[in-house]
C-alpha atoms as a PDB file:
ATOM      1  CA  MET A   1       7.169  -6.382   0.582  1.00  0.00           C
ATOM      2  CA  LEU A   2      10.487  -7.937  -0.337  1.00  0.00           C
ATOM      3  CA  TYR A   3       9.225 -11.504  -0.092  1.00  0.00           C
ATOM      4  CA  THR A   4      10.837 -14.893  -0.366  1.00  0.00           C
ATOM      5  CA  PRO A   5       9.395 -18.060   1.188  1.00  0.00           C
ATOM      6  CA  GLU A   6      12.284 -18.936   3.518  1.00  0.00           C
ATOM      7  CA  SER A   7      14.895 -16.785   5.249  1.00  0.00           C
ATOM      8  CA  ALA A   8      16.974 -19.623   6.748  1.00  0.00           C
ATOM      9  CA  LEU A   9      18.280 -21.977   4.062  1.00  0.00           C
ATOM     10  CA  PRO A  10      20.124 -25.210   4.997  1.00  0.00           C
ATOM     11  CA  THR A  11      22.173 -25.009   1.773  1.00  0.00           C
ATOM     12  CA  GLY A  12      22.629 -22.535  -1.028  1.00  0.00           C
ATOM     13  CA  ARG A  13      20.123 -22.345  -3.869  1.00  0.00           C
ATOM     14  CA  THR A  14      18.367 -19.993  -6.245  1.00  0.00           C
ATOM     15  CA  ILE A  15      15.463 -18.251  -4.512  1.00  0.00           C
ATOM     16  CA  GLU A  16      12.339 -16.539  -5.787  1.00  0.00           C
ATOM     17  CA  LEU A  17      11.652 -12.951  -4.749  1.00  0.00           C
ATOM     18  CA  ARG A  18       8.554 -10.756  -5.075  1.00  0.00           C
ATOM     19  CA  HIS A  19       8.405  -6.995  -4.659  1.00  0.00           C
ATOM     20  CA  VAL A  20       4.875  -5.756  -3.946  1.00  0.00           C
ATOM     21  CA  PHE A  21       3.419  -2.621  -2.349  1.00  0.00           C
ATOM     22  CA  THR A  22       0.460  -3.565  -0.185  1.00  0.00           C
ATOM     23  CA  HIS A  23      -0.785  -3.796   3.381  1.00  0.00           C
ATOM     24  CA  PRO A  24       0.056  -7.455   3.996  1.00  0.00           C
ATOM     25  CA  PHE A  25      -2.408  -8.111   6.814  1.00  0.00           C
ATOM     26  CA  ALA A  26      -5.684  -6.868   5.373  1.00  0.00           C
ATOM     27  CA  ASP A  27      -4.566  -6.886   1.714  1.00  0.00           C
ATOM     28  CA  GLU A  28      -7.358  -4.491   0.853  1.00  0.00           C
ATOM     29  CA  HIS A  29      -5.560  -2.664  -1.956  1.00  0.00           C
ATOM     30  CA  THR A  30      -2.457  -3.471  -4.033  1.00  0.00           C
ATOM     31  CA  MET A  31      -0.649  -0.316  -5.110  1.00  0.00           C
ATOM     32  CA  ASP A  32       1.240   0.230  -8.361  1.00  0.00           C
ATOM     33  CA  MET A  33       4.922   0.487  -7.461  1.00  0.00           C
ATOM     34  CA  GLY A  34       6.385   3.721  -8.801  1.00  0.00           C
ATOM     35  CA  LEU A  35       3.046   5.480  -9.398  1.00  0.00           C
ATOM     36  CA  GLN A  36       3.645   9.192 -10.116  1.00  0.00           C
ATOM     37  CA  HIS A  37       1.352  12.206  -9.877  1.00  0.00           C
ATOM     38  CA  ASP A  38       2.511  13.815 -13.116  1.00  0.00           C
ATOM     39  CA  SER A  39       2.821  10.879 -15.497  1.00  0.00           C
ATOM     40  CA  GLU A  40       0.964   7.756 -16.525  1.00  0.00           C
ATOM     41  CA  LYS A  41       4.305   5.962 -16.747  1.00  0.00           C
ATOM     42  CA  LEU A  42       5.502   4.273 -13.572  1.00  0.00           C
ATOM     43  CA  ALA A  43       8.915   5.333 -12.331  1.00  0.00           C
ATOM     44  CA  PRO A  44      11.421   2.452 -12.209  1.00  0.00           C
ATOM     45  CA  VAL A  45      13.005   1.029  -9.072  1.00  0.00           C
ATOM     46  CA  GLU A  46      15.888   3.273  -8.021  1.00  0.00           C
ATOM     47  CA  ASP A  47      18.171   0.566  -6.616  1.00  0.00           C
ATOM     48  CA  PHE A  48      18.145  -3.156  -5.809  1.00  0.00           C
ATOM     49  CA  TYR A  49      21.189  -4.996  -4.518  1.00  0.00           C
ATOM     50  CA  VAL A  50      22.493  -7.638  -2.115  1.00  0.00           C
ATOM     51  CA  ILE A  51      25.362  -7.614   0.366  1.00  0.00           C
ATOM     52  CA  ASN A  52      27.130 -10.838   1.348  1.00  0.00           C
ATOM     53  CA  LYS A  53      30.301 -10.873   3.445  1.00  0.00           C
ATOM     54  CA  GLY A  54      30.725  -7.175   2.835  1.00  0.00           C
ATOM     55  CA  GLU A  55      30.505  -7.510  -0.942  1.00  0.00           C
ATOM     56  CA  LYS A  56      27.761  -5.620  -2.771  1.00  0.00           C
ATOM     57  CA  LYS A  57      26.177  -6.946  -5.967  1.00  0.00           C
ATOM     58  CA  ASP A  58      23.759  -4.994  -8.138  1.00  0.00           C
ATOM     59  CA  LEU A  59      20.532  -6.910  -8.844  1.00  0.00           C
ATOM     60  CA  ILE A  60      18.431  -4.289 -10.589  1.00  0.00           C
ATOM     61  CA  GLU A  61      18.696  -6.050 -13.965  1.00  0.00           C
ATOM     62  CA  THR A  62      17.051  -9.143 -12.447  1.00  0.00           C
ATOM     63  CA  LEU A  63      13.735  -7.335 -11.875  1.00  0.00           C
ATOM     64  CA  GLU A  64      10.830  -8.285 -14.105  1.00  0.00           C
ATOM     65  CA  ALA A  65       7.497  -6.462 -14.065  1.00  0.00           C
ATOM     66  CA  VAL A  66       4.492  -8.487 -12.864  1.00  0.00           C
ATOM     67  CA  GLU A  67       0.814  -7.933 -12.199  1.00  0.00           C
ATOM     68  CA  TRP A  68       0.153  -8.875  -8.581  1.00  0.00           C
ATOM     69  CA  GLN A  69      -3.330 -10.125  -7.681  1.00  0.00           C
ATOM     70  CA  GLY A  70      -4.491  -9.030  -4.244  1.00  0.00           C
ATOM     71  CA  GLN A  71      -7.788  -9.772  -2.564  1.00  0.00           C
ATOM     72  CA  SER A  72      -9.596  -6.874  -4.250  1.00  0.00           C
ATOM     73  CA  ASN A  73      -7.474  -5.673  -7.193  1.00  0.00           C
ATOM     74  CA  ARG A  74      -4.333  -6.126  -9.260  1.00  0.00           C
ATOM     75  CA  GLY A  75      -1.268  -3.934  -8.885  1.00  0.00           C
ATOM     76  CA  LYS A  76       2.061  -3.551 -10.636  1.00  0.00           C
ATOM     77  CA  GLY A  77       5.082  -5.030  -8.880  1.00  0.00           C
ATOM     78  CA  TYR A  78       8.198  -7.031  -9.671  1.00  0.00           C
ATOM     79  CA  SER A  79       9.594 -10.532  -9.513  1.00  0.00           C
ATOM     80  CA  SER A  80      13.220 -11.591  -9.442  1.00  0.00           C
ATOM     81  CA  THR A  81      15.443 -14.545  -8.660  1.00  0.00           C
ATOM     82  CA  TYR A  82      18.727 -14.596  -6.768  1.00  0.00           C
ATOM     83  CA  LYS A  83      21.429 -17.250  -6.390  1.00  0.00           C
ATOM     84  CA  ALA A  84      21.930 -17.415  -2.615  1.00  0.00           C
ATOM     85  CA  GLN A  85      24.846 -19.836  -2.896  1.00  0.00           C
ATOM     86  CA  ARG A  86      27.545 -18.626  -0.540  1.00  0.00           C
ATOM     87  CA  MET A  87      27.374 -19.330   3.178  1.00  0.00           C
ATOM     88  CA  GLY A  88      26.393 -16.476   5.449  1.00  0.00           C
ATOM     89  CA  ASP A  89      23.900 -13.646   5.306  1.00  0.00           C
ATOM     90  CA  HIS A  90      22.513 -12.164   2.115  1.00  0.00           C
ATOM     91  CA  VAL A  91      21.144  -8.682   2.849  1.00  0.00           C
ATOM     92  CA  LEU A  92      18.689  -7.793   0.088  1.00  0.00           C
ATOM     93  CA  VAL A  93      17.830  -4.092  -0.213  1.00  0.00           C
ATOM     94  CA  ILE A  94      15.392  -2.390  -2.552  1.00  0.00           C
ATOM     95  CA  HIS A  95      14.865   1.343  -3.047  1.00  0.00           C
ATOM     96  CA  PRO A  96      11.560   1.608  -4.911  1.00  0.00           C
ATOM     97  CA  ALA A  97      10.654   4.802  -6.686  1.00  0.00           C
ATOM     98  CA  PRO A  98       8.465   7.093  -4.557  1.00  0.00           C
ATOM     99  CA  TYR A  99       4.774   6.200  -4.857  1.00  0.00           C
ATOM    100  CA  TYR A 100       2.140   8.932  -5.061  1.00  0.00           C
ATOM    101  CA  GLU A 101      -0.661   8.494  -2.548  1.00  0.00           C
ATOM    102  CA  ALA A 102      -3.428  10.627  -4.040  1.00  0.00           C
ATOM    103  CA  GLY A 103      -5.639  10.400  -0.947  1.00  0.00           C
ATOM    104  CA  GLU A 104      -2.999  12.188   1.134  1.00  0.00           C
ATOM    105  CA  GLY A 105      -1.328  14.197  -1.616  1.00  0.00           C
ATOM    106  CA  ILE A 106       2.121  12.893  -0.675  1.00  0.00           C
ATOM    107  CA  TYR A 107       4.766  10.498  -1.929  1.00  0.00           C
ATOM    108  CA  ILE A 108       5.834   7.379  -0.028  1.00  0.00           C
ATOM    109  CA  GLN A 109       9.164   5.611  -0.448  1.00  0.00           C
ATOM    110  CA  GLN A 110       9.802   2.484   1.606  1.00  0.00           C
ATOM    111  CA  ILE A 111      13.485   1.480   1.607  1.00  0.00           C
ATOM    112  CA  THR A 112      13.216  -2.219   2.402  1.00  0.00           C
ATOM    113  CA  LYS A 113      15.551  -4.934   3.716  1.00  0.00           C
ATOM    114  CA  THR A 114      15.100  -8.712   3.866  1.00  0.00           C
ATOM    115  CA  ILE A 115      17.927 -10.927   5.091  1.00  0.00           C
ATOM    116  CA  VAL A 116      18.385 -14.520   3.938  1.00  0.00           C
ATOM    117  CA  ASN A 117      20.906 -16.808   5.615  1.00  0.00           C
ATOM    118  CA  VAL A 118      22.621 -19.858   4.124  1.00  0.00           C
ATOM    119  CA  ALA A 119      23.854 -22.755   6.309  1.00  0.00           C
ATOM    120  CA  GLY A 120      23.477 -20.957   9.656  1.00  0.00           C
ATOM    121  CA  ALA A 121      26.789 -19.091   9.520  1.00  0.00           C
ATOM    122  CA  PRO A 122      26.215 -15.400  10.374  1.00  0.00           C
ATOM    123  CA  SER A 123      28.026 -12.661   8.489  1.00  0.00           C
ATOM    124  CA  ASP A 124      26.182  -9.430   7.626  1.00  0.00           C
ATOM    125  CA  TRP A 125      22.807  -9.547   9.404  1.00  0.00           C
ATOM    126  CA  ASP A 126      23.615  -6.635  11.748  1.00  0.00           C
ATOM    127  CA  ALA A 127      25.520  -4.530   9.209  1.00  0.00           C
ATOM    128  CA  GLU A 128      24.743  -0.825   9.277  1.00  0.00           C
ATOM    129  CA  LEU A 129      24.401   0.281   5.674  1.00  0.00           C
ATOM    130  CA  GLY A 130      24.035   4.014   6.311  1.00  0.00           C
ATOM    131  CA  LEU A 131      20.772   4.196   4.378  1.00  0.00           C
ATOM    132  CA  LYS A 132      18.670   7.334   4.366  1.00  0.00           C
ATOM    133  CA  ALA A 133      16.047   5.289   6.220  1.00  0.00           C
ATOM    134  CA  GLU A 134      17.073   2.020   7.882  1.00  0.00           C
ATOM    135  CA  ILE A 135      16.175  -0.430  10.627  1.00  0.00           C
ATOM    136  CA  VAL A 136      19.316  -2.116  11.956  1.00  0.00           C
ATOM    137  CA  PRO A 137      18.452  -5.456  13.605  1.00  0.00           C
ATOM    138  CA  LEU A 138      19.842  -6.378  17.013  1.00  0.00           C
ATOM    139  CA  VAL A 139      18.377  -9.899  16.682  1.00  0.00           C
ATOM    140  CA  LYS A 140      19.091 -12.222  13.763  1.00  0.00           C
ATOM    141  CA  PRO A 141      15.949 -11.675  11.667  1.00  0.00           C
ATOM    142  CA  TYR A 142      15.990 -15.228  10.286  1.00  0.00           C
ATOM    143  CA  SER A 143      16.390 -17.228  13.520  1.00  0.00           C
ATOM    144  CA  ILE A 144      13.469 -16.238  15.737  1.00  0.00           C
ATOM    145  CA  TRP A 145      11.070 -18.648  17.422  1.00  0.00           C
ATOM    146  CA  GLU A 146       7.419 -17.604  17.569  1.00  0.00           C
ATOM    147  CA  GLY A 147       6.667 -16.096  20.953  1.00  0.00           C
ATOM    148  CA  SER A 148      10.149 -14.548  21.044  1.00  0.00           C
ATOM    149  CA  THR A 149      11.014 -10.908  20.351  1.00  0.00           C
ATOM    150  CA  PHE A 150      12.621  -8.809  17.661  1.00  0.00           C
ATOM    151  CA  THR A 151      14.709  -5.745  18.506  1.00  0.00           C
ATOM    152  CA  GLY A 152      16.024  -3.116  16.141  1.00  0.00           C
ATOM    153  CA  ILE A 153      17.299   0.458  15.974  1.00  0.00           C
ATOM    154  CA  VAL A 154      15.767   3.013  13.604  1.00  0.00           C
ATOM    155  CA  LYS A 155      18.443   5.081  11.880  1.00  0.00           C
ATOM    156  CA  SER A 156      18.764   7.749   9.205  1.00  0.00           C
ATOM    157  CA  ASN A 157      22.146   8.123   7.526  1.00  0.00           C
ATOM    158  CA  GLY A 158      23.667   6.174  10.404  1.00  0.00           C
ATOM    159  CA  ARG A 159      22.110   8.252  13.188  1.00  0.00           C
ATOM    160  CA  PRO A 160      19.418   6.927  15.567  1.00  0.00           C
ATOM    161  CA  VAL A 161      15.947   8.412  15.171  1.00  0.00           C
ATOM    162  CA  PRO A 162      14.456   9.088  18.638  1.00  0.00           C
ATOM    163  CA  TYR A 163      10.842   8.083  19.246  1.00  0.00           C
ATOM    164  CA  ALA A 164      10.325   6.919  15.676  1.00  0.00           C
ATOM    165  CA  GLU A 165       6.777   5.812  14.864  1.00  0.00           C
ATOM    166  CA  ILE A 166       6.731   2.210  13.676  1.00  0.00           C
ATOM    167  CA  GLU A 167       3.954   0.208  12.024  1.00  0.00           C
ATOM    168  CA  VAL A 168       4.024  -3.572  12.378  1.00  0.00           C
ATOM    169  CA  GLU A 169       2.101  -5.915  10.099  1.00  0.00           C
ATOM    170  CA  TYR A 170       1.861  -9.672   9.822  1.00  0.00           C
ATOM    171  CA  LEU A 171       1.870 -11.268   6.373  1.00  0.00           C
ATOM    172  CA  ASN A 172      -1.579 -12.694   6.880  1.00  0.00           C
ATOM    173  CA  HIS A 173      -1.962 -14.477   3.544  1.00  0.00           C
ATOM    174  CA  ALA A 174      -0.450 -17.412   1.739  1.00  0.00           C
ATOM    175  CA  VAL A 175       1.670 -16.225  -1.184  1.00  0.00           C
ATOM    176  CA  ASP A 176       1.253 -17.975  -4.519  1.00  0.00           C
ATOM    177  CA  LEU A 177       4.490 -17.438  -6.426  1.00  0.00           C
ATOM    178  CA  GLU A 178       3.303 -19.166  -9.591  1.00  0.00           C
ATOM    179  CA  LYS A 179       0.187 -17.006  -9.897  1.00  0.00           C
ATOM    180  CA  ASN A 180       1.768 -13.861  -8.401  1.00  0.00           C
ATOM    181  CA  ALA A 181      -1.151 -13.618  -6.025  1.00  0.00           C
ATOM    182  CA  MET A 182      -2.228 -13.477  -2.402  1.00  0.00           C
ATOM    183  CA  GLY A 183      -4.085 -16.493  -1.096  1.00  0.00           C
ATOM    184  CA  PRO A 184      -6.631 -16.729   1.718  1.00  0.00           C
ATOM    185  CA  GLY A 185      -6.023 -15.083   5.073  1.00  0.00           C
ATOM    186  CA  PHE A 186      -4.943 -16.903   8.221  1.00  0.00           C
ATOM    187  CA  VAL A 187      -6.465 -14.849  11.060  1.00  0.00           C
ATOM    188  CA  GLU A 188      -9.129 -12.165  11.518  1.00  0.00           C
ATOM    189  CA  ALA A 189      -8.486  -8.929  13.358  1.00  0.00           C
ATOM    190  CA  PRO A 190     -10.998  -8.151  16.120  1.00  0.00           C
ATOM    191  CA  GLN A 191     -10.736  -4.438  15.254  1.00  0.00           C
ATOM    192  CA  ASP A 192      -8.907  -2.310  12.639  1.00  0.00           C
ATOM    193  CA  SER A 193      -6.095  -1.329  14.996  1.00  0.00           C
ATOM    194  CA  PHE A 194      -4.983  -4.972  15.077  1.00  0.00           C
ATOM    195  CA  SER A 195      -4.334  -5.006  11.316  1.00  0.00           C
ATOM    196  CA  THR A 196      -1.592  -2.397  11.494  1.00  0.00           C
ATOM    197  CA  LEU A 197      -0.032  -2.382  14.945  1.00  0.00           C
ATOM    198  CA  GLY A 198       1.547   0.826  16.207  1.00  0.00           C
ATOM    199  CA  ILE A 199       4.627   1.078  18.413  1.00  0.00           C
ATOM    200  CA  LYS A 200       7.304   3.701  19.047  1.00  0.00           C
ATOM    201  CA  ALA A 201      11.050   3.558  19.463  1.00  0.00           C
ATOM    202  CA  ASP A 202      12.662   4.950  22.587  1.00  0.00           C
ATOM    203  CA  GLY A 203      14.885   8.019  22.786  1.00  0.00           C
ATOM    204  CA  ASN A 204      17.764   6.086  21.238  1.00  0.00           C
ATOM    205  CA  GLY A 205      15.717   4.799  18.300  1.00  0.00           C
ATOM    206  CA  LYS A 206      15.527   1.302  19.793  1.00  0.00           C
ATOM    207  CA  PHE A 207      12.387  -0.841  19.873  1.00  0.00           C
ATOM    208  CA  THR A 208      11.378  -4.388  20.814  1.00  0.00           C
ATOM    209  CA  PHE A 209       8.304  -6.293  19.684  1.00  0.00           C
ATOM    210  CA  GLY A 210       7.047  -9.762  20.624  1.00  0.00           C
ATOM    211  CA  LEU A 211       6.140 -12.039  17.707  1.00  0.00           C
ATOM    212  CA  PRO A 212       3.069 -14.043  18.742  1.00  0.00           C
ATOM    213  CA  ARG A 213       2.770 -16.146  15.601  1.00  0.00           C
ATOM    214  CA  ALA A 214       5.081 -17.877  13.142  1.00  0.00           C
ATOM    215  CA  GLY A 215       5.471 -16.288   9.724  1.00  0.00           C
ATOM    216  CA  TRP A 216       6.714 -13.064   8.185  1.00  0.00           C
ATOM    217  CA  TRP A 217       6.446  -9.760  10.063  1.00  0.00           C
ATOM    218  CA  GLY A 218       7.129  -6.348   8.541  1.00  0.00           C
ATOM    219  CA  PHE A 219       8.369  -3.342  10.535  1.00  0.00           C
ATOM    220  CA  CYS A 220       8.010   0.096   8.937  1.00  0.00           C
ATOM    221  CA  ALA A 221       9.478   3.230  10.554  1.00  0.00           C
ATOM    222  CA  LEU A 222       7.471   6.125   9.141  1.00  0.00           C
ATOM    223  CA  GLY A 223       9.011   9.271   7.684  1.00  0.00           C
ATOM    224  CA  VAL A 224      12.445   8.766   9.229  1.00  0.00           C
ATOM    225  CA  GLY A 225      14.467   9.313   6.041  1.00  0.00           C
ATOM    226  CA  SER A 226      16.510  12.417   5.312  1.00  0.00           C
ATOM    227  CA  ASP A 227      14.626  13.163   2.067  1.00  0.00           C
ATOM    228  CA  THR A 228      11.394  14.993   2.815  1.00  0.00           C
ATOM    229  CA  SER A 229      10.195  16.154  -0.620  1.00  0.00           C
ATOM    230  CA  TYR A 230       9.872  14.751  -4.141  1.00  0.00           C
ATOM    231  CA  LYS A 231       8.676  16.529  -7.273  1.00  0.00           C
ATOM    232  CA  GLY A 232       7.508  19.461  -5.193  1.00  0.00           C
ATOM    233  CA  LYS A 233       5.406  17.353  -2.833  1.00  0.00           C
ATOM    234  CA  GLU A 234       5.888  15.963   0.656  1.00  0.00           C
ATOM    235  CA  LEU A 235       7.765  12.664   0.838  1.00  0.00           C
ATOM    236  CA  SER A 236       7.485  10.099   3.616  1.00  0.00           C
ATOM    237  CA  GLN A 237      10.742   8.150   3.342  1.00  0.00           C
ATOM    238  CA  ASP A 238      10.230   5.021   5.426  1.00  0.00           C
ATOM    239  CA  ALA A 239      12.512   2.233   6.642  1.00  0.00           C
ATOM    240  CA  VAL A 240      11.212  -1.337   6.328  1.00  0.00           C
ATOM    241  CA  ILE A 241      12.643  -4.639   7.497  1.00  0.00           C
ATOM    242  CA  TRP A 242      11.091  -8.095   7.239  1.00  0.00           C
ATOM    243  CA  VAL A 243      11.718 -10.821   9.822  1.00  0.00           C
ATOM    244  CA  GLN A 244      10.544 -14.422   9.919  1.00  0.00           C
ATOM    245  CA  ALA A 245       9.469 -16.289  13.050  1.00  0.00           C
ATOM    246  CA  LYS A 246       9.408 -20.079  13.116  1.00  0.00           C
ATOM    247  CA  GLU A 247       7.062 -22.445  14.924  1.00  0.00           C
ATOM    248  CA  MET A 248       8.694 -24.474  17.696  1.00  0.00           C
ATOM    249  CA  ARG A 249       7.561 -28.102  17.471  1.00  0.00           C
END
C-alpha cells in the first residue's frame, strides 16, 4: 500500500502517506516491510520519489518507521508527508526492499505507484517511467466514478507483458492515520476468491476492470519485473498501482 486519503485535491496541501505491506481486503496478516531471510535487520526502502510535470524529487529521507496495527497483528511499515502544492499530477513511486516470504521460500518486491492530482489539471498521470515492473494507466486513476472501469497496460522496462496475471484487491477497511491502524471492514466476501480477485492482461499487456464500489483499489501484476532472483532465491518483482473510485451522488 502507498496510501493517502484523497487522490483528487481541490487545492495544494501537505498530505499524509502510509506505506504498508498487507492484503488490504482481508487484512489477515501485516508483513514487515524489508524482511530478509539472512538477517534480523530489515532492509531499507530502495527508492521513494515523486514526479510532477516531468520533474523528479527524491523523498526517501521523508520516510519514518512505524508499527502498523492490522486486524490480527502489528507489522513494520513507514509513514511520510509530502507537500502536494503545485497543480497537476504527483506520481508517487516506492521501491520497497524485497520481502522474504518464508512460506514460499521466495522474495517479493512490489514496485508501487499512487497518483495524486491537484486542482484537476492533468500532467503526468499516464507517464511511462520505464520501471522494471510497472502498470501504466490509460484512465486517470484519480477521476473514476464507481461503476466505471479502469484500464492499464502492464510493462517491464517499457515493454508490454503479454497475458500478465493481475491480482485486484479493494481496501476494505477504514484507515486510521493517527493510530497507524486498520479499522473495521466494510463488506464481507462470500468466498475466499472474492478477497483477491484474479484477472489477466491480453496479448498486449492491456487489461480493464470494472470498479463496483467507491474507494481505493489496488492492482498487482505478479512477477512481471526483469529481476528474477535476490540473495540466491527466487524473486517475484511485481507492479502495483492504486486507483480511487468516487461515489456519484
